Amino acid sequence: MTDSRTPLTLIGLGPMGQGMVKLWLAAGHAVTVWNRTRSRADDVLAAGAVWAERADAVAANRLIVLSLTDYRAADAVLDGLDLTGKVVVNLSSDTPDRTREAAEAVAARGGTLLVGGLMVPAPLLGTEAAYAFYSGPEDVFAEYRDTLALLGRTDYLGADPVPAQLHYQAQLDLFLTVLAGMLHAFALVGTAGVSAKDFAPYMRETLDTMSFYLDETVTSVDSGQHPGDLANITMMGATTDHIVAASEDAGLDAGLPKAVQDLYHRAIAAGRGGENWTALVDLIRR
């Protein structure tokens, strides 16, 4: 493993990038930074980071961390630069195919890509709640584990570059869907004059009980067995009909509940109405 004061370069100074730089500086790292808009570097420069122009920032250190919107932005940053001997830790979001292409492109230019996915917002970086997925060459991950662990718990998923990206996207799939559901529920009760504050205690109870369903769901998804003795797709599909109708009657956008309704309707049409709702995974898998 590297010394805890490993010098590194951070490119991309949004809230996440700035938060990472400050954590590394506090731990004694020398951090070189670059961002398209230089003014975003003001706070981290005041904290002790060093500014360098794009090519010089990449050349400055072996370890280069990218905190960018997607891999297209990463390509633009690295375009035309020598990556021989460099380790690029890309914390950007993109598709698995795009991730694999990026790993091959970095390797073709003499570097190594370590794919990462940080699963907390900037204010939680470095706390017990923070964790990140990583995949790529194990020796490279081991070399920089201590440096990366300053951001949060490190979960290494193997040498293939894709698993970290898939885990990241799967977690965000759940997260963003739940957030959208929260907003839709608030909007629905809001049509009766109920404030989000007044409805929040009931929503909290529902959210707190969601983990109750997790173990049963895991068993069903992994085994492919979906007994419908307690709840079945036909029954729950009827509930989706009611949610869509209530939303439309209230004048709300019903796109979100209609997407869920469509899964249930297709399962019923396929003759699976008597099975548990977990059987919907087969439709999702196509």
Protein backbone atom coordinates (compact mmCIF):
# COMPACT_ATOMS: atom_id res chain seq x y z
CA MET A 1 0.00 0.00 0.00
CA THR A 2 1.09 3.58 -0.56
CA ASP A 3 2.14 6.04 2.07
CA SER A 4 -0.82 7.92 3.53
CA ARG A 5 0.57 11.10 1.96
CA THR A 6 0.48 9.88 -1.65
CA PRO A 7 0.44 12.88 -4.03
CA LEU A 8 -2.45 12.88 -6.48
CA THR A 9 -4.29 14.88 -9.09
CA LEU A 10 -8.03 15.59 -8.88
CA ILE A 11 -9.86 16.77 -11.97
CA GLY A 12 -13.44 18.02 -11.66
CA LEU A 13 -14.27 20.47 -8.88
CA GLY A 14 -17.99 20.19 -8.38
CA PRO A 15 -19.18 19.69 -4.78
CA MET A 16 -17.92 16.08 -4.75
CA GLY A 17 -14.52 16.98 -6.16
CA GLN A 18 -14.05 19.84 -3.72
CA GLY A 19 -15.07 17.63 -0.82
CA MET A 20 -12.57 14.95 -1.81
CA VAL A 21 -9.72 17.42 -2.18
CA LYS A 22 -10.33 18.85 1.28
CA LEU A 23 -10.31 15.39 2.84
CA TRP A 24 -7.04 14.46 1.14
CA LEU A 25 -5.43 17.76 2.06
CA ALA A 26 -6.45 17.31 5.69
CA ALA A 27 -4.80 13.88 5.65
CA GLY A 28 -1.52 15.31 4.40
CA HIS A 29 -1.72 14.58 0.68
CA ALA A 30 -0.30 16.95 -1.89
CA VAL A 31 -3.18 17.53 -4.31
CA THR A 32 -2.94 19.05 -7.77
CA VAL A 33 -6.25 20.21 -9.26
CA TRP A 34 -7.71 21.29 -12.57
CA ASN A 35 -11.23 22.28 -13.59
CA ARG A 36 -12.63 23.91 -16.72
CA THR A 37 -13.86 26.81 -14.61
CA ARG A 38 -10.89 27.92 -12.52
CA SER A 39 -12.97 29.89 -10.02
CA ARG A 40 -14.33 26.61 -8.66
CA ALA A 41 -10.85 25.89 -7.37
CA ASP A 42 -10.69 28.96 -5.14
CA ASP A 43 -11.68 27.19 -1.91
CA VAL A 44 -9.40 24.19 -2.37
CA LEU A 45 -6.48 26.39 -3.41
CA ALA A 46 -6.97 28.37 -0.22
CA ALA A 47 -6.89 25.06 1.66
CA GLY A 48 -3.54 24.11 0.15
CA ALA A 49 -4.21 22.47 -3.23
CA VAL A 50 -2.01 23.36 -6.23
CA TRP A 51 -3.45 24.47 -9.56
CA ALA A 52 -2.05 23.20 -12.84
CA GLU A 53 -3.34 23.40 -16.38
CA ARG A 54 -4.93 20.25 -17.78
CA ALA A 55 -1.88 18.54 -19.31
CA ASP A 56 0.38 19.57 -16.45
CA ALA A 57 -2.13 18.34 -13.88
CA VAL A 58 -2.22 14.90 -15.50
CA ALA A 59 1.56 14.81 -15.78
CA ALA A 60 2.08 15.90 -12.16
CA ASN A 61 1.21 12.63 -10.43
CA ARG A 62 0.83 8.92 -11.06
CA LEU A 63 -2.59 8.85 -9.38
CA ILE A 64 -5.27 10.81 -11.24
CA VAL A 65 -8.83 10.95 -9.87
CA LEU A 66 -11.67 12.09 -12.13
CA SER A 67 -14.87 13.49 -10.65
CA LEU A 68 -16.83 14.34 -13.78
CA THR A 69 -20.35 13.99 -15.14
CA ASP A 70 -19.67 11.04 -17.43
CA TYR A 71 -17.00 9.21 -19.40
CA ARG A 72 -17.37 11.55 -22.37
CA ALA A 73 -16.17 14.38 -20.14
CA ALA A 74 -13.32 12.14 -18.97
CA ASP A 75 -12.34 11.43 -22.58
CA ALA A 76 -12.22 15.15 -23.27
CA VAL A 77 -10.00 15.79 -20.26
CA LEU A 78 -7.54 13.01 -21.13
CA ASP A 79 -7.60 13.59 -24.87
CA GLY A 80 -4.13 13.66 -26.40
CA LEU A 81 -2.30 13.18 -23.10
CA ASP A 82 0.33 10.56 -22.32
CA LEU A 83 -0.99 8.11 -19.71
CA THR A 84 2.06 5.86 -19.51
CA GLY A 85 2.34 4.55 -15.97
CA LYS A 86 -0.71 6.51 -14.80
CA VAL A 87 -3.52 5.15 -12.65
CA VAL A 88 -6.82 6.80 -13.54
CA VAL A 89 -9.53 6.43 -10.91
CA ASN A 90 -12.72 7.41 -12.69
CA LEU A 91 -15.59 8.16 -10.32
CA SER A 92 -17.86 9.32 -13.15
CA SER A 93 -21.18 7.72 -14.01
CA ASP A 94 -21.83 5.96 -17.32
CA THR A 95 -22.92 2.68 -18.88
CA PRO A 96 -21.09 -0.63 -18.39
CA ASP A 97 -20.20 -0.82 -22.09
CA ARG A 98 -18.82 2.70 -22.03
CA THR A 99 -16.82 1.82 -18.91
CA ARG A 100 -15.21 -1.18 -20.57
CA GLU A 101 -14.35 0.90 -23.64
CA ALA A 102 -12.71 3.48 -21.39
CA ALA A 103 -10.62 0.84 -19.63
CA GLU A 104 -9.39 -0.43 -22.98
CA ALA A 105 -8.64 3.09 -24.21
CA VAL A 106 -6.64 4.00 -21.09
CA ALA A 107 -4.71 0.71 -21.34
CA ALA A 108 -3.92 1.36 -25.00
CA ARG A 109 -2.24 4.61 -23.92
CA GLY A 110 -0.14 2.95 -21.25
CA GLY A 111 -2.31 3.63 -18.21
CA THR A 112 -4.60 1.66 -15.92
CA LEU A 113 -8.23 2.45 -15.19
CA LEU A 114 -9.71 1.82 -11.76
CA VAL A 115 -13.49 2.28 -11.88
CA GLY A 116 -15.19 3.76 -8.84
CA GLY A 117 -18.65 4.71 -7.69
CA LEU A 118 -19.10 6.87 -4.59
CA MET A 119 -22.47 6.26 -3.00
CA VAL A 120 -22.95 9.36 -0.83
CA PRO A 121 -23.40 13.09 -1.46
CA ALA A 122 -20.53 15.46 -0.78
CA PRO A 123 -21.52 16.35 2.83
CA LEU A 124 -21.20 12.68 3.84
CA LEU A 125 -17.75 12.07 2.36
CA GLY A 126 -15.37 10.69 4.95
CA THR A 127 -18.12 9.71 7.38
CA GLU A 128 -19.18 6.25 8.51
CA ALA A 129 -22.06 6.44 6.04
CA ALA A 130 -19.72 6.84 3.07
CA TYR A 131 -18.74 3.94 0.86
CA ALA A 132 -17.67 3.33 -2.71
CA PHE A 133 -17.48 0.46 -5.16
CA TYR A 134 -14.22 -0.17 -7.03
CA SER A 135 -13.24 -2.59 -9.77
CA GLY A 136 -10.10 -2.99 -11.83
CA PRO A 137 -6.67 -4.57 -11.34
CA GLU A 138 -6.37 -5.79 -7.75
CA ASP A 139 -2.75 -4.75 -7.30
CA VAL A 140 -3.60 -1.18 -8.32
CA PHE A 141 -6.56 -1.06 -5.97
CA ALA A 142 -4.40 -2.42 -3.13
CA GLU A 143 -1.75 0.21 -3.84
CA TYR A 144 -4.20 3.07 -3.39
CA ARG A 145 -6.71 1.55 -0.98
CA ASP A 146 -5.62 3.71 1.94
CA THR A 147 -5.86 6.88 -0.12
CA LEU A 148 -9.33 6.01 -1.40
CA ALA A 149 -10.50 4.87 2.02
CA LEU A 150 -10.27 8.46 3.26
CA LEU A 151 -13.41 9.11 1.20
CA GLY A 152 -15.35 6.19 2.68
CA ARG A 153 -15.42 2.40 2.96
CA THR A 154 -13.93 0.70 -0.09
CA ASP A 155 -15.77 -2.32 -1.53
CA TYR A 156 -13.58 -4.01 -4.13
CA LEU A 157 -15.52 -6.06 -6.71
CA GLY A 158 -12.81 -7.68 -8.81
CA ALA A 159 -10.52 -7.12 -11.77
CA ASP A 160 -13.24 -6.63 -14.40
CA PRO A 161 -13.89 -2.87 -14.72
CA VAL A 162 -17.67 -3.21 -15.07
CA PRO A 163 -19.00 -4.45 -11.67
CA ALA A 164 -18.32 -1.19 -9.82
CA GLN A 165 -20.27 0.72 -12.46
CA LEU A 166 -23.15 -1.78 -12.37
CA HIS A 167 -23.37 -1.69 -8.58
CA TYR A 168 -23.32 2.10 -8.69
CA GLN A 169 -26.08 2.30 -11.30
CA ALA A 170 -28.19 -0.32 -9.51
CA GLN A 171 -28.04 1.63 -6.27
CA LEU A 172 -28.98 4.84 -8.05
CA ASP A 173 -31.78 2.97 -9.85
CA LEU A 174 -33.33 2.24 -6.47
CA PHE A 175 -32.50 5.65 -5.02
CA LEU A 176 -33.88 7.77 -7.86
CA THR A 177 -37.01 5.64 -8.21
CA VAL A 178 -37.77 5.99 -4.50
CA LEU A 179 -37.18 9.75 -4.61
CA ALA A 180 -39.54 10.11 -7.58
CA GLY A 181 -42.12 7.99 -5.75
CA MET A 182 -41.85 10.24 -2.71
CA LEU A 183 -42.54 13.32 -4.81
CA HIS A 184 -45.46 11.68 -6.58
CA ALA A 185 -47.00 10.62 -3.27
CA PHE A 186 -46.62 14.14 -1.84
CA ALA A 187 -48.23 15.57 -4.96
CA LEU A 188 -51.12 13.11 -4.75
CA VAL A 189 -52.07 13.87 -1.15
CA GLY A 190 -51.34 17.51 -1.84
CA THR A 191 -54.34 17.63 -4.18
CA ALA A 192 -56.46 17.30 -1.03
CA GLY A 193 -54.64 20.15 0.67
CA VAL A 194 -52.36 17.90 2.74
CA SER A 195 -48.89 19.37 3.22
CA ALA A 196 -45.75 17.31 2.71
CA LYS A 197 -44.91 17.97 6.37
CA ASP A 198 -48.20 16.50 7.56
CA PHE A 199 -47.90 13.42 5.34
CA ALA A 200 -44.21 12.83 6.09
CA PRO A 201 -44.72 10.72 9.27
CA TYR A 202 -46.80 8.19 7.31
CA MET A 203 -44.26 8.12 4.50
CA ARG A 204 -41.47 7.58 7.00
CA GLU A 205 -43.29 4.53 8.38
CA THR A 206 -43.54 3.06 4.89
CA LEU A 207 -39.89 3.75 4.11
CA ASP A 208 -38.80 2.26 7.43
CA THR A 209 -40.67 -0.99 6.71
CA MET A 210 -39.33 -1.45 3.17
CA SER A 211 -36.32 -3.43 4.42
CA PHE A 212 -38.81 -5.97 5.83
CA TYR A 213 -39.43 -7.15 2.27
CA LEU A 214 -35.79 -7.39 1.29
CA ASP A 215 -34.90 -10.91 2.50
CA GLU A 216 -38.02 -12.44 0.94
CA THR A 217 -37.33 -10.61 -2.30
CA VAL A 218 -33.71 -11.79 -2.39
CA THR A 219 -34.81 -15.39 -1.90
CA SER A 220 -37.41 -15.17 -4.66
CA VAL A 221 -35.17 -13.37 -7.17
CA ASP A 222 -32.26 -15.78 -6.68
CA SER A 223 -34.36 -18.95 -6.59
CA GLY A 224 -36.81 -18.02 -9.34
CA GLN A 225 -39.68 -19.14 -7.10
CA HIS A 226 -42.54 -16.65 -6.63
CA PRO A 227 -45.37 -18.18 -4.56
CA GLY A 228 -48.36 -15.86 -4.45
CA ASP A 229 -49.97 -17.09 -1.25
CA LEU A 230 -49.71 -13.75 0.59
CA ALA A 231 -49.88 -11.26 -2.27
CA ASN A 232 -50.17 -11.82 -5.98
CA ILE A 233 -49.71 -9.83 -9.15
CA THR A 234 -53.43 -9.65 -10.00
CA MET A 235 -54.25 -8.14 -6.62
CA MET A 236 -51.39 -5.68 -6.66
CA GLY A 237 -52.04 -4.88 -10.31
CA ALA A 238 -55.49 -3.70 -9.35
CA THR A 239 -53.85 -1.35 -6.87
CA THR A 240 -51.71 0.13 -9.62
CA ASP A 241 -54.91 0.79 -11.58
CA HIS A 242 -56.32 2.69 -8.62
CA ILE A 243 -53.14 4.77 -8.21
CA VAL A 244 -53.12 5.70 -11.89
CA ALA A 245 -56.82 6.59 -11.84
CA ALA A 246 -56.45 8.67 -8.66
CA SER A 247 -53.49 10.51 -10.20
CA GLU A 248 -55.32 11.26 -13.43
CA ASP A 249 -58.48 12.31 -11.60
CA ALA A 250 -56.37 14.73 -9.59
CA GLY A 251 -54.79 16.15 -12.73
CA LEU A 252 -51.31 14.86 -11.95
CA ASP A 253 -48.72 13.47 -14.35
CA ALA A 254 -49.30 9.72 -14.12
CA GLY A 255 -46.21 8.63 -16.03
CA LEU A 256 -44.47 7.14 -13.01
CA PRO A 257 -47.34 4.96 -11.72
CA LYS A 258 -48.20 4.01 -15.30
CA ALA A 259 -44.71 2.56 -15.72
CA VAL A 260 -45.31 0.35 -12.68
CA GLN A 261 -48.84 -0.47 -13.86
CA ASP A 262 -47.46 -1.61 -17.22
CA LEU A 263 -45.26 -4.23 -15.53
CA TYR A 264 -48.24 -5.70 -13.69
CA HIS A 265 -50.49 -5.66 -16.76
CA ARG A 266 -47.89 -7.44 -18.86
CA ALA A 267 -47.35 -10.07 -16.17
CA ILE A 268 -51.10 -10.71 -15.95
CA ALA A 269 -51.33 -10.95 -19.74
CA ALA A 270 -48.52 -13.54 -19.60
CA GLY A 271 -50.60 -15.68 -17.25
CA ARG A 272 -48.61 -14.94 -14.13
CA GLY A 273 -51.27 -13.11 -12.13
CA GLY A 274 -51.31 -15.75 -9.39
CA GLU A 275 -47.60 -15.35 -8.62
CA ASN A 276 -45.98 -13.03 -6.11
CA TRP A 277 -45.03 -9.53 -7.25
CA THR A 278 -41.36 -10.60 -7.26
CA ALA A 279 -42.08 -12.47 -10.52
CA LEU A 280 -42.02 -9.04 -12.20
CA VAL A 281 -38.25 -9.42 -12.27
CA ASP A 282 -38.66 -11.81 -15.21
CA LEU A 283 -40.39 -9.10 -17.23
CA ILE A 284 -37.68 -6.63 -16.32
CA ARG A 285 -35.09 -9.16 -17.48
CA ARG A 286 -37.07 -9.61 -20.73
